[in-house]
C-alpha cells in the first residue's frame, strides 16, 4: 500500500517543553466501563516508553454506565490523568474538540476508548512527529469492521483521491494544528479532514486494528451515513461537480443526436423522425437542468465555505534579513 505524504520542512519540537507535558493523549469515552481498565493498563505501559512528560485526557461524553466513576479512581492513582465531564452526550468529534481545548501537550494524540486502535501503535505516530510532520494519521490494516463501515471508507477514499483513512481516530497532531482546528467555526467539523487542510506536512502510517472486546459500536448505519455526508459536504465539491459534468455530457449527447437527425446521418424511419426529434430536445433540456443544478450547487458550496470561516491562509513562519544587513 502506498503511503500518502508531504515532505516536512520544519524541525520536530523538543521532547521536553518549557511548560506543560510534551504529549497529551485525548480519549473520548461513552459507555466504555468494561474497556477502560485494559485501555489504561496498556496505555500506561506505552507512555512509560515514549515520554516522561505526558498526560491522559479522558473526555466523558455523557456516559450512562460507570465510566466516569472508574476514571475518577484512575485519576486518584495517577496524576497524569485529567477527566473532562461533558454536560450531555455531544458526540465523538465534539468530545475530541473539548479534549483539544483542555489538553496542554505540544503533541496531541487522539485514541478511541474501545481498544480497536491499539495504544501500542502510538510510537509509530510519534516517530513521524519526530521527523517533522504536523499531522500523522493511521491507516487501519485488516480492519475488523462491518461491511458498511468498510464501504464508507472506500467511498471517502475515492472522493478524497488518496489513501488517507479519515475514519481512524488514532492520529497525532502538533499543538499548532490543534489551535488552528479550535479557531475554525465549523458546527460539525470532521476533525481528521479539517486538520489535514490546515497544514501541508501530513503523512499516514499503517496501524493495526482490533475487534471490539466489549460492548458494541455507537455508530449505527444511519449515523455512519450522516458522518459520511458531513465529510462529503464539508470537504469535497466532487458530487455537485459530477452533477454538472453529467448535465454537460447529456446536453452534448442531445445536441449530437439532434444534429444527426437534422443532417439525416441516422437511419431513422420517416414516420418516427418526429418522435426522435422530441427525444433529442428533451435530452438537451434535461442536460440543461442538470447543468443549472450544478451551477446553483457551486454557489451554495461557496456560501457554505464562507459560513464555516476557515482561514484563507495560515502563516507558519516569517524570515526577514537581520537589521543592518546589506541589500
C-alpha atoms as a PDB file:
ATOM      1  CA  UNK A   1       0.000   0.000   0.000  1.00  0.00           C
ATOM      2  CA  UNK A   2       1.304   3.401  -0.924  1.00  0.00           C
ATOM      3  CA  UNK A   3       1.630   5.923   1.887  1.00  0.00           C
ATOM      4  CA  UNK A   4       0.471   9.454   1.143  1.00  0.00           C
ATOM      5  CA  UNK A   5       2.924  12.036   2.350  1.00  0.00           C
ATOM      6  CA  UNK A   6       4.135  15.596   2.078  1.00  0.00           C
ATOM      7  CA  UNK A   7       7.780  16.166   2.974  1.00  0.00           C
ATOM      8  CA  UNK A   8       8.198  18.399   6.012  1.00  0.00           C
ATOM      9  CA  UNK A   9      10.412  21.437   6.077  1.00  0.00           C
ATOM     10  CA  UNK A  10      10.253  22.238   9.786  1.00  0.00           C
ATOM     11  CA  UNK A  11      12.112  20.573  12.634  1.00  0.00           C
ATOM     12  CA  UNK A  12      10.431  18.474  15.277  1.00  0.00           C
ATOM     13  CA  UNK A  13       9.593  20.081  18.593  1.00  0.00           C
ATOM     14  CA  UNK A  14      11.784  19.387  21.571  1.00  0.00           C
ATOM     15  CA  UNK A  15      10.969  16.397  23.716  1.00  0.00           C
ATOM     16  CA  UNK A  16      10.695  18.480  26.863  1.00  0.00           C
ATOM     17  CA  UNK A  17       8.522  21.619  26.594  1.00  0.00           C
ATOM     18  CA  UNK A  18       9.116  24.651  28.757  1.00  0.00           C
ATOM     19  CA  UNK A  19       5.578  24.487  30.131  1.00  0.00           C
ATOM     20  CA  UNK A  20       3.205  21.553  30.410  1.00  0.00           C
ATOM     21  CA  UNK A  21       3.660  17.992  29.196  1.00  0.00           C
ATOM     22  CA  UNK A  22       5.167  17.127  25.836  1.00  0.00           C
ATOM     23  CA  UNK A  23       2.444  14.600  24.963  1.00  0.00           C
ATOM     24  CA  UNK A  24      -1.323  14.604  25.523  1.00  0.00           C
ATOM     25  CA  UNK A  25      -3.479  11.574  24.734  1.00  0.00           C
ATOM     26  CA  UNK A  26      -7.120  12.603  24.254  1.00  0.00           C
ATOM     27  CA  UNK A  27      -9.680   9.797  24.648  1.00  0.00           C
ATOM     28  CA  UNK A  28     -13.433  10.376  24.163  1.00  0.00           C
ATOM     29  CA  UNK A  29     -15.422   7.970  26.347  1.00  0.00           C
ATOM     30  CA  UNK A  30     -19.048   6.932  26.065  1.00  0.00           C
ATOM     31  CA  UNK A  31     -20.186   3.828  27.978  1.00  0.00           C
ATOM     32  CA  UNK A  32     -16.801   2.086  27.881  1.00  0.00           C
ATOM     33  CA  UNK A  33     -16.624   0.903  31.511  1.00  0.00           C
ATOM     34  CA  UNK A  34     -15.577  -2.620  30.550  1.00  0.00           C
ATOM     35  CA  UNK A  35     -12.792  -1.471  28.219  1.00  0.00           C
ATOM     36  CA  UNK A  36     -11.272   1.244  30.420  1.00  0.00           C
ATOM     37  CA  UNK A  37      -9.154  -0.914  32.788  1.00  0.00           C
ATOM     38  CA  UNK A  38      -7.375  -2.697  29.931  1.00  0.00           C
ATOM     39  CA  UNK A  39      -7.091   0.539  27.966  1.00  0.00           C
ATOM     40  CA  UNK A  40      -5.416   2.367  30.854  1.00  0.00           C
ATOM     41  CA  UNK A  41      -3.083  -0.560  31.602  1.00  0.00           C
ATOM     42  CA  UNK A  42      -1.889  -0.797  28.016  1.00  0.00           C
ATOM     43  CA  UNK A  43      -1.657   2.961  27.525  1.00  0.00           C
ATOM     44  CA  UNK A  44       0.325   3.378  30.752  1.00  0.00           C
ATOM     45  CA  UNK A  45       2.835   0.806  29.531  1.00  0.00           C
ATOM     46  CA  UNK A  46       3.228   2.670  26.237  1.00  0.00           C
ATOM     47  CA  UNK A  47       3.633   6.113  27.800  1.00  0.00           C
ATOM     48  CA  UNK A  48       6.422   4.940  30.084  1.00  0.00           C
ATOM     49  CA  UNK A  49       8.452   4.100  26.986  1.00  0.00           C
ATOM     50  CA  UNK A  50       7.707   7.082  24.718  1.00  0.00           C
ATOM     51  CA  UNK A  51       7.831  10.106  27.028  1.00  0.00           C
ATOM     52  CA  UNK A  52       8.453  11.030  30.636  1.00  0.00           C
ATOM     53  CA  UNK A  53       6.260  14.082  30.158  1.00  0.00           C
ATOM     54  CA  UNK A  54       2.737  13.006  29.227  1.00  0.00           C
ATOM     55  CA  UNK A  55      -0.890  13.425  30.240  1.00  0.00           C
ATOM     56  CA  UNK A  56      -4.008  11.373  29.586  1.00  0.00           C
ATOM     57  CA  UNK A  57      -7.178  13.377  28.923  1.00  0.00           C
ATOM     58  CA  UNK A  58     -10.377  11.360  29.260  1.00  0.00           C
ATOM     59  CA  UNK A  59     -13.496  13.131  27.971  1.00  0.00           C
ATOM     60  CA  UNK A  60     -16.590  11.536  29.485  1.00  0.00           C
ATOM     61  CA  UNK A  61     -19.220  12.201  26.826  1.00  0.00           C
ATOM     62  CA  UNK A  62     -22.320  11.732  28.985  1.00  0.00           C
ATOM     63  CA  UNK A  63     -21.721   8.051  29.752  1.00  0.00           C
ATOM     64  CA  UNK A  64     -24.655   6.211  31.300  1.00  0.00           C
ATOM     65  CA  UNK A  65     -22.592   3.440  32.883  1.00  0.00           C
ATOM     66  CA  UNK A  66     -19.820   3.670  35.464  1.00  0.00           C
ATOM     67  CA  UNK A  67     -17.186   5.067  33.101  1.00  0.00           C
ATOM     68  CA  UNK A  68     -16.956   8.420  34.906  1.00  0.00           C
ATOM     69  CA  UNK A  69     -16.524   6.869  38.347  1.00  0.00           C
ATOM     70  CA  UNK A  70     -13.901   4.441  37.061  1.00  0.00           C
ATOM     71  CA  UNK A  71     -11.884   7.267  35.501  1.00  0.00           C
ATOM     72  CA  UNK A  72     -12.053   9.155  38.807  1.00  0.00           C
ATOM     73  CA  UNK A  73     -10.478   6.149  40.553  1.00  0.00           C
ATOM     74  CA  UNK A  74      -7.758   6.004  37.908  1.00  0.00           C
ATOM     75  CA  UNK A  75      -7.159   9.733  38.343  1.00  0.00           C
ATOM     76  CA  UNK A  76      -6.702   9.368  42.096  1.00  0.00           C
ATOM     77  CA  UNK A  77      -3.874   6.908  41.498  1.00  0.00           C
ATOM     78  CA  UNK A  78      -2.286   8.677  38.515  1.00  0.00           C
ATOM     79  CA  UNK A  79      -1.712  12.474  38.495  1.00  0.00           C
ATOM     80  CA  UNK A  80      -1.185  12.399  34.723  1.00  0.00           C
ATOM     81  CA  UNK A  81      -4.907  11.745  34.209  1.00  0.00           C
ATOM     82  CA  UNK A  82      -7.358  14.578  33.514  1.00  0.00           C
ATOM     83  CA  UNK A  83     -11.114  13.923  33.458  1.00  0.00           C
ATOM     84  CA  UNK A  84     -13.393  16.209  31.458  1.00  0.00           C
ATOM     85  CA  UNK A  85     -17.112  15.727  32.116  1.00  0.00           C
ATOM     86  CA  UNK A  86     -19.435  16.933  29.365  1.00  0.00           C
ATOM     87  CA  UNK A  87     -22.896  18.061  30.473  1.00  0.00           C
ATOM     88  CA  UNK A  88     -24.595  15.807  27.926  1.00  0.00           C
ATOM     89  CA  UNK A  89     -23.740  13.406  25.128  1.00  0.00           C
ATOM     90  CA  UNK A  90     -22.306  15.655  22.424  1.00  0.00           C
ATOM     91  CA  UNK A  91     -20.820  13.125  20.036  1.00  0.00           C
ATOM     92  CA  UNK A  92     -17.320  11.857  19.424  1.00  0.00           C
ATOM     93  CA  UNK A  93     -15.994  14.809  17.461  1.00  0.00           C
ATOM     94  CA  UNK A  94     -17.324  17.381  19.928  1.00  0.00           C
ATOM     95  CA  UNK A  95     -15.710  15.382  22.738  1.00  0.00           C
ATOM     96  CA  UNK A  96     -12.388  15.415  20.891  1.00  0.00           C
ATOM     97  CA  UNK A  97     -12.642  19.192  20.486  1.00  0.00           C
ATOM     98  CA  UNK A  98     -13.234  19.528  24.231  1.00  0.00           C
ATOM     99  CA  UNK A  99     -10.154  17.395  24.818  1.00  0.00           C
ATOM    100  CA  UNK A 100      -8.166  19.552  22.406  1.00  0.00           C
ATOM    101  CA  UNK A 101      -9.171  22.691  24.309  1.00  0.00           C
ATOM    102  CA  UNK A 102      -8.198  21.328  27.712  1.00  0.00           C
ATOM    103  CA  UNK A 103      -5.048  19.440  26.661  1.00  0.00           C
ATOM    104  CA  UNK A 104      -1.666  21.008  27.297  1.00  0.00           C
ATOM    105  CA  UNK A 105       0.790  18.903  25.324  1.00  0.00           C
ATOM    106  CA  UNK A 106       2.939  20.041  22.421  1.00  0.00           C
ATOM    107  CA  UNK A 107       1.802  16.861  20.695  1.00  0.00           C
ATOM    108  CA  UNK A 108      -1.780  15.617  20.925  1.00  0.00           C
ATOM    109  CA  UNK A 109      -2.715  12.029  20.117  1.00  0.00           C
ATOM    110  CA  UNK A 110      -6.361  11.000  19.774  1.00  0.00           C
ATOM    111  CA  UNK A 111      -7.395   7.461  20.640  1.00  0.00           C
ATOM    112  CA  UNK A 112     -10.676   5.568  20.836  1.00  0.00           C
ATOM    113  CA  UNK A 113     -11.632   4.009  24.175  1.00  0.00           C
ATOM    114  CA  UNK A 114     -12.898   0.767  22.621  1.00  0.00           C
ATOM    115  CA  UNK A 115      -9.355  -0.606  22.019  1.00  0.00           C
ATOM    116  CA  UNK A 116      -9.959  -1.160  18.310  1.00  0.00           C
ATOM    117  CA  UNK A 117      -6.968   1.141  17.810  1.00  0.00           C
ATOM    118  CA  UNK A 118      -4.205  -0.473  19.912  1.00  0.00           C
ATOM    119  CA  UNK A 119      -2.331   2.017  22.125  1.00  0.00           C
ATOM    120  CA  UNK A 120       0.837   0.106  21.237  1.00  0.00           C
ATOM    121  CA  UNK A 121       0.705   1.775  17.800  1.00  0.00           C
ATOM    122  CA  UNK A 122       1.234   5.276  19.231  1.00  0.00           C
ATOM    123  CA  UNK A 123       5.067   5.134  18.890  1.00  0.00           C
ATOM    124  CA  UNK A 124       4.639   4.768  15.106  1.00  0.00           C
ATOM    125  CA  UNK A 125       2.882   8.135  15.020  1.00  0.00           C
ATOM    126  CA  UNK A 126       5.412   9.812  17.288  1.00  0.00           C
ATOM    127  CA  UNK A 127       8.307   8.604  15.124  1.00  0.00           C
ATOM    128  CA  UNK A 128       6.859  10.619  12.244  1.00  0.00           C
ATOM    129  CA  UNK A 129       6.255  13.604  14.521  1.00  0.00           C
ATOM    130  CA  UNK A 130       9.966  13.487  15.386  1.00  0.00           C
ATOM    131  CA  UNK A 131      10.670  13.515  11.639  1.00  0.00           C
ATOM    132  CA  UNK A 132       8.954  16.913  11.440  1.00  0.00           C
ATOM    133  CA  UNK A 133       5.400  16.167  10.342  1.00  0.00           C
ATOM    134  CA  UNK A 134       2.495  18.175  11.741  1.00  0.00           C
ATOM    135  CA  UNK A 135      -0.263  15.578  11.345  1.00  0.00           C
ATOM    136  CA  UNK A 136       0.206  11.814  11.361  1.00  0.00           C
ATOM    137  CA  UNK A 137      -2.779   9.616  10.586  1.00  0.00           C
ATOM    138  CA  UNK A 138      -3.239   5.897  10.957  1.00  0.00           C
ATOM    139  CA  UNK A 139      -4.392   3.651   8.124  1.00  0.00           C
ATOM    140  CA  UNK A 140      -6.115   0.620   9.607  1.00  0.00           C
ATOM    141  CA  UNK A 141      -4.792  -2.693   8.335  1.00  0.00           C
ATOM    142  CA  UNK A 142      -7.007  -5.813   8.086  1.00  0.00           C
ATOM    143  CA  UNK A 143      -9.939  -3.948   9.589  1.00  0.00           C
ATOM    144  CA  UNK A 144     -12.217  -5.805  11.977  1.00  0.00           C
ATOM    145  CA  UNK A 145     -15.274  -3.788  10.980  1.00  0.00           C
ATOM    146  CA  UNK A 146     -18.642  -4.367   9.352  1.00  0.00           C
ATOM    147  CA  UNK A 147     -19.123  -4.283   5.591  1.00  0.00           C
ATOM    148  CA  UNK A 148     -20.965  -0.956   5.900  1.00  0.00           C
ATOM    149  CA  UNK A 149     -18.024   0.726   7.610  1.00  0.00           C
ATOM    150  CA  UNK A 150     -15.585  -0.635   5.047  1.00  0.00           C
ATOM    151  CA  UNK A 151     -17.821   0.532   2.188  1.00  0.00           C
ATOM    152  CA  UNK A 152     -17.991   4.050   3.652  1.00  0.00           C
ATOM    153  CA  UNK A 153     -14.195   4.106   3.953  1.00  0.00           C
ATOM    154  CA  UNK A 154     -13.834   3.109   0.296  1.00  0.00           C
ATOM    155  CA  UNK A 155     -16.247   5.903  -0.738  1.00  0.00           C
ATOM    156  CA  UNK A 156     -14.358   8.529   1.283  1.00  0.00           C
ATOM    157  CA  UNK A 157     -11.018   7.423  -0.142  1.00  0.00           C
ATOM    158  CA  UNK A 158     -12.408   7.510  -3.683  1.00  0.00           C
ATOM    159  CA  UNK A 159     -13.715  11.057  -3.246  1.00  0.00           C
ATOM    160  CA  UNK A 160     -10.554  12.273  -1.492  1.00  0.00           C
ATOM    161  CA  UNK A 161      -8.285  10.750  -4.172  1.00  0.00           C
ATOM    162  CA  UNK A 162      -5.874   9.383  -1.620  1.00  0.00           C
ATOM    163  CA  UNK A 163      -5.094   6.654   0.858  1.00  0.00           C
ATOM    164  CA  UNK A 164      -5.971   8.687   3.972  1.00  0.00           C
ATOM    165  CA  UNK A 165      -8.147   6.784   6.450  1.00  0.00           C
ATOM    166  CA  UNK A 166     -10.233   9.627   7.876  1.00  0.00           C
ATOM    167  CA  UNK A 167     -12.278   7.192   9.961  1.00  0.00           C
ATOM    168  CA  UNK A 168      -9.259   6.172  12.028  1.00  0.00           C
ATOM    169  CA  UNK A 169      -9.206   8.015  15.353  1.00  0.00           C
ATOM    170  CA  UNK A 170      -5.589   7.057  16.057  1.00  0.00           C
ATOM    171  CA  UNK A 171      -3.860  10.257  14.941  1.00  0.00           C
ATOM    172  CA  UNK A 172      -1.194  12.670  16.163  1.00  0.00           C
ATOM    173  CA  UNK A 173      -1.248  16.471  15.860  1.00  0.00           C
ATOM    174  CA  UNK A 174       1.148  19.223  16.719  1.00  0.00           C
ATOM    175  CA  UNK A 175      -0.171  21.898  19.061  1.00  0.00           C
ATOM    176  CA  UNK A 176      -0.123  24.488  16.272  1.00  0.00           C
ATOM    177  CA  UNK A 177      -2.537  22.402  14.201  1.00  0.00           C
ATOM    178  CA  UNK A 178      -4.773  21.772  17.221  1.00  0.00           C
ATOM    179  CA  UNK A 179      -5.036  25.535  17.771  1.00  0.00           C
ATOM    180  CA  UNK A 180      -5.937  26.072  14.125  1.00  0.00           C
ATOM    181  CA  UNK A 181      -8.684  23.465  14.377  1.00  0.00           C
ATOM    182  CA  UNK A 182     -10.082  25.132  17.504  1.00  0.00           C
ATOM    183  CA  UNK A 183     -10.179  28.506  15.752  1.00  0.00           C
ATOM    184  CA  UNK A 184     -12.435  27.208  12.969  1.00  0.00           C
ATOM    185  CA  UNK A 185     -16.155  27.857  13.317  1.00  0.00           C
ATOM    186  CA  UNK A 186     -17.445  24.643  11.729  1.00  0.00           C
ATOM    187  CA  UNK A 187     -20.519  23.411  13.596  1.00  0.00           C
ATOM    188  CA  UNK A 188     -19.895  19.761  12.722  1.00  0.00           C
ATOM    189  CA  UNK A 189     -16.200  19.562  11.895  1.00  0.00           C
ATOM    190  CA  UNK A 190     -14.726  16.337  10.594  1.00  0.00           C
ATOM    191  CA  UNK A 191     -11.548  16.767  12.623  1.00  0.00           C
ATOM    192  CA  UNK A 192      -9.129  14.432  10.746  1.00  0.00           C
ATOM    193  CA  UNK A 193     -10.006  16.012   7.386  1.00  0.00           C
ATOM    194  CA  UNK A 194     -10.032  19.539   8.798  1.00  0.00           C
ATOM    195  CA  UNK A 195      -6.563  19.129  10.303  1.00  0.00           C
ATOM    196  CA  UNK A 196      -5.084  17.946   7.008  1.00  0.00           C
ATOM    197  CA  UNK A 197      -6.482  21.051   5.301  1.00  0.00           C
ATOM    198  CA  UNK A 198      -4.711  23.332   7.773  1.00  0.00           C
ATOM    199  CA  UNK A 199      -1.152  22.101   7.183  1.00  0.00           C
ATOM    200  CA  UNK A 200       0.885  20.650   4.349  1.00  0.00           C
ATOM    201  CA  UNK A 201       3.136  18.442   6.499  1.00  0.00           C
ATOM    202  CA  UNK A 202       0.911  15.362   6.622  1.00  0.00           C
ATOM    203  CA  UNK A 203       1.707  11.668   6.440  1.00  0.00           C
ATOM    204  CA  UNK A 204      -0.164   8.410   7.022  1.00  0.00           C
ATOM    205  CA  UNK A 205       1.251   5.238   8.527  1.00  0.00           C
ATOM    206  CA  UNK A 206      -0.234   1.717   8.602  1.00  0.00           C
ATOM    207  CA  UNK A 207      -1.512   0.692  12.047  1.00  0.00           C
ATOM    208  CA  UNK A 208      -3.056  -2.455  13.463  1.00  0.00           C
ATOM    209  CA  UNK A 209      -6.780  -2.766  14.056  1.00  0.00           C
ATOM    210  CA  UNK A 210      -8.569  -4.999  16.556  1.00  0.00           C
ATOM    211  CA  UNK A 211     -12.110  -6.169  17.044  1.00  0.00           C
ATOM    212  CA  UNK A 212     -14.165  -4.881  19.954  1.00  0.00           C
ATOM    213  CA  UNK A 213     -13.534  -6.740  23.205  1.00  0.00           C
ATOM    214  CA  UNK A 214     -16.668  -5.477  24.967  1.00  0.00           C
ATOM    215  CA  UNK A 215     -19.789  -3.567  24.036  1.00  0.00           C
ATOM    216  CA  UNK A 216     -20.871  -2.514  20.584  1.00  0.00           C
ATOM    217  CA  UNK A 217     -20.200   0.404  18.276  1.00  0.00           C
ATOM    218  CA  UNK A 218     -22.316   3.523  18.863  1.00  0.00           C
ATOM    219  CA  UNK A 219     -22.252   4.246  15.135  1.00  0.00           C
ATOM    220  CA  UNK A 220     -25.367   2.791  13.547  1.00  0.00           C
ATOM    221  CA  UNK A 221     -25.759   2.657   9.774  1.00  0.00           C
ATOM    222  CA  UNK A 222     -27.703   5.941   9.894  1.00  0.00           C
ATOM    223  CA  UNK A 223     -25.018   7.686  11.966  1.00  0.00           C
ATOM    224  CA  UNK A 224     -22.321   6.389   9.625  1.00  0.00           C
ATOM    225  CA  UNK A 225     -24.235   7.810   6.682  1.00  0.00           C
ATOM    226  CA  UNK A 226     -24.560  11.160   8.449  1.00  0.00           C
ATOM    227  CA  UNK A 227     -20.836  11.132   9.204  1.00  0.00           C
ATOM    228  CA  UNK A 228     -20.102  10.376   5.571  1.00  0.00           C
ATOM    229  CA  UNK A 229     -22.302  13.257   4.440  1.00  0.00           C
ATOM    230  CA  UNK A 230     -20.589  15.546   6.970  1.00  0.00           C
ATOM    231  CA  UNK A 231     -17.278  14.777   5.305  1.00  0.00           C
ATOM    232  CA  UNK A 232     -18.669  14.890   1.776  1.00  0.00           C
ATOM    233  CA  UNK A 233     -20.418  18.238   2.166  1.00  0.00           C
ATOM    234  CA  UNK A 234     -17.697  19.762   4.321  1.00  0.00           C
ATOM    235  CA  UNK A 235     -14.568  18.830   2.393  1.00  0.00           C
ATOM    236  CA  UNK A 236     -15.499  17.909  -1.157  1.00  0.00           C
ATOM    237  CA  UNK A 237     -17.391  19.558  -4.009  1.00  0.00           C
ATOM    238  CA  UNK A 238     -16.954  16.456  -6.177  1.00  0.00           C
ATOM    239  CA  UNK A 239     -20.639  15.327  -6.032  1.00  0.00           C
ATOM    240  CA  UNK A 240     -22.022  18.619  -7.326  1.00  0.00           C
ATOM    241  CA  UNK A 241     -19.271  18.776  -9.938  1.00  0.00           C
ATOM    242  CA  UNK A 242     -20.263  15.300 -11.122  1.00  0.00           C
ATOM    243  CA  UNK A 243     -23.861  16.543 -11.491  1.00  0.00           C
ATOM    244  CA  UNK A 244     -22.621  19.435 -13.641  1.00  0.00           C
ATOM    245  CA  UNK A 245     -20.450  17.096 -15.711  1.00  0.00           C
ATOM    246  CA  UNK A 246     -23.379  14.722 -16.219  1.00  0.00           C
ATOM    247  CA  UNK A 247     -25.512  17.665 -17.369  1.00  0.00           C
ATOM    248  CA  UNK A 248     -22.909  18.838 -19.865  1.00  0.00           C
ATOM    249  CA  UNK A 249     -22.477  15.321 -21.269  1.00  0.00           C
ATOM    250  CA  UNK A 250     -26.267  14.839 -21.533  1.00  0.00           C
ATOM    251  CA  UNK A 251     -26.648  18.157 -23.333  1.00  0.00           C
ATOM    252  CA  UNK A 252     -23.855  17.320 -25.770  1.00  0.00           C
ATOM    253  CA  UNK A 253     -25.373  13.899 -26.420  1.00  0.00           C
ATOM    254  CA  UNK A 254     -28.759  15.510 -27.138  1.00  0.00           C
ATOM    255  CA  UNK A 255     -27.175  18.049 -29.477  1.00  0.00           C
ATOM    256  CA  UNK A 256     -25.227  15.337 -31.305  1.00  0.00           C
ATOM    257  CA  UNK A 257     -28.350  13.207 -31.638  1.00  0.00           C
ATOM    258  CA  UNK A 258     -30.372  16.178 -32.909  1.00  0.00           C
ATOM    259  CA  UNK A 259     -27.648  17.106 -35.393  1.00  0.00           C
ATOM    260  CA  UNK A 260     -27.585  13.545 -36.676  1.00  0.00           C
ATOM    261  CA  UNK A 261     -31.332  13.680 -37.231  1.00  0.00           C
ATOM    262  CA  UNK A 262     -31.180  17.100 -38.918  1.00  0.00           C
ATOM    263  CA  UNK A 263     -28.377  16.065 -41.268  1.00  0.00           C
ATOM    264  CA  UNK A 264     -30.057  12.692 -41.872  1.00  0.00           C
ATOM    265  CA  UNK A 265     -26.967  10.827 -40.732  1.00  0.00           C
ATOM    266  CA  UNK A 266     -29.039   8.422 -38.629  1.00  0.00           C
ATOM    267  CA  UNK A 267     -31.100   5.661 -40.263  1.00  0.00           C
ATOM    268  CA  UNK A 268     -34.484   6.620 -38.779  1.00  0.00           C
ATOM    269  CA  UNK A 269     -37.845   5.735 -40.283  1.00  0.00           C
ATOM    270  CA  UNK A 270     -39.601   8.871 -41.625  1.00  0.00           C
ATOM    271  CA  UNK A 271     -42.702   8.189 -39.527  1.00  0.00           C
ATOM    272  CA  UNK A 272     -40.656   8.072 -36.293  1.00  0.00           C
ATOM    273  CA  UNK A 273     -38.472  11.100 -37.054  1.00  0.00           C
ATOM    274  CA  UNK A 274     -40.730  13.488 -35.107  1.00  0.00           C
ATOM    275  CA  UNK A 275     -40.607  11.247 -32.046  1.00  0.00           C
ATOM    276  CA  UNK A 276     -36.807  11.177 -32.132  1.00  0.00           C
ATOM    277  CA  UNK A 277     -36.648  14.935 -32.592  1.00  0.00           C
ATOM    278  CA  UNK A 278     -38.744  15.377 -29.451  1.00  0.00           C
ATOM    279  CA  UNK A 279     -36.492  12.900 -27.637  1.00  0.00           C
ATOM    280  CA  UNK A 280     -33.398  14.905 -28.663  1.00  0.00           C
ATOM    281  CA  UNK A 281     -34.986  18.156 -27.473  1.00  0.00           C
ATOM    282  CA  UNK A 282     -35.940  16.590 -24.122  1.00  0.00           C
ATOM    283  CA  UNK A 283     -32.408  15.247 -23.709  1.00  0.00           C
ATOM    284  CA  UNK A 284     -30.965  18.716 -24.299  1.00  0.00           C
ATOM    285  CA  UNK A 285     -33.396  20.246 -21.803  1.00  0.00           C
ATOM    286  CA  UNK A 286     -32.631  17.555 -19.218  1.00  0.00           C
ATOM    287  CA  UNK A 287     -28.928  18.223 -19.580  1.00  0.00           C
ATOM    288  CA  UNK A 288     -29.588  21.934 -19.167  1.00  0.00           C
ATOM    289  CA  UNK A 289     -31.472  21.270 -15.929  1.00  0.00           C
ATOM    290  CA  UNK A 290     -28.560  19.266 -14.518  1.00  0.00           C
ATOM    291  CA  UNK A 291     -26.110  21.998 -15.503  1.00  0.00           C
ATOM    292  CA  UNK A 292     -28.312  24.594 -13.789  1.00  0.00           C
ATOM    293  CA  UNK A 293     -28.496  22.445 -10.645  1.00  0.00           C
ATOM    294  CA  UNK A 294     -24.729  22.084 -10.712  1.00  0.00           C
ATOM    295  CA  UNK A 295     -24.158  25.821 -11.060  1.00  0.00           C
ATOM    296  CA  UNK A 296     -26.567  26.592  -8.212  1.00  0.00           C
ATOM    297  CA  UNK A 297     -24.834  23.915  -6.153  1.00  0.00           C
ATOM    298  CA  UNK A 298     -21.468  25.567  -6.755  1.00  0.00           C
ATOM    299  CA  UNK A 299     -22.855  28.865  -5.430  1.00  0.00           C
ATOM    300  CA  UNK A 300     -24.288  27.103  -2.373  1.00  0.00           C
ATOM    301  CA  UNK A 301     -20.940  25.378  -1.790  1.00  0.00           C
ATOM    302  CA  UNK A 302     -19.153  28.737  -1.902  1.00  0.00           C
ATOM    303  CA  UNK A 303     -21.632  30.201   0.587  1.00  0.00           C
ATOM    304  CA  UNK A 304     -21.073  27.180   2.850  1.00  0.00           C
ATOM    305  CA  UNK A 305     -17.312  27.690   2.675  1.00  0.00           C
ATOM    306  CA  UNK A 306     -17.710  31.344   3.678  1.00  0.00           C
ATOM    307  CA  UNK A 307     -20.010  30.488   6.595  1.00  0.00           C
ATOM    308  CA  UNK A 308     -17.547  27.940   8.004  1.00  0.00           C
ATOM    309  CA  UNK A 309     -14.994  30.691   8.480  1.00  0.00           C
ATOM    310  CA  UNK A 310     -11.922  28.577   7.808  1.00  0.00           C
ATOM    311  CA  UNK A 311      -8.801  30.732   7.466  1.00  0.00           C
ATOM    312  CA  UNK A 312      -7.820  31.613   3.905  1.00  0.00           C
ATOM    313  CA  UNK A 313      -4.200  31.065   4.861  1.00  0.00           C
ATOM    314  CA  UNK A 314      -2.005  30.339   7.873  1.00  0.00           C
ATOM    315  CA  UNK A 315       1.433  31.922   8.144  1.00  0.00           C
ATOM    316  CA  UNK A 316       3.750  29.269   9.523  1.00  0.00           C
ATOM    317  CA  UNK A 317       6.841  31.453   9.818  1.00  0.00           C
ATOM    318  CA  UNK A 318       8.318  34.744   8.586  1.00  0.00           C
ATOM    319  CA  UNK A 319      12.012  35.102   7.800  1.00  0.00           C
ATOM    320  CA  UNK A 320      13.487  38.541   7.296  1.00  0.00           C
ATOM    321  CA  UNK A 321      17.009  39.758   6.881  1.00  0.00           C
ATOM    322  CA  UNK A 322      18.518  40.898  10.198  1.00  0.00           C
ATOM    323  CA  UNK A 323      18.714  44.680  10.844  1.00  0.00           C
ATOM    324  CA  UNK A 324      21.737  46.276   9.225  1.00  0.00           C
ATOM    325  CA  UNK A 325      22.138  43.584   6.594  1.00  0.00           C
ATOM    326  CA  UNK A 326      23.303  44.856   3.215  1.00  0.00           C
ATOM    327  CA  UNK A 327      20.753  44.864   0.427  1.00  0.00           C
END
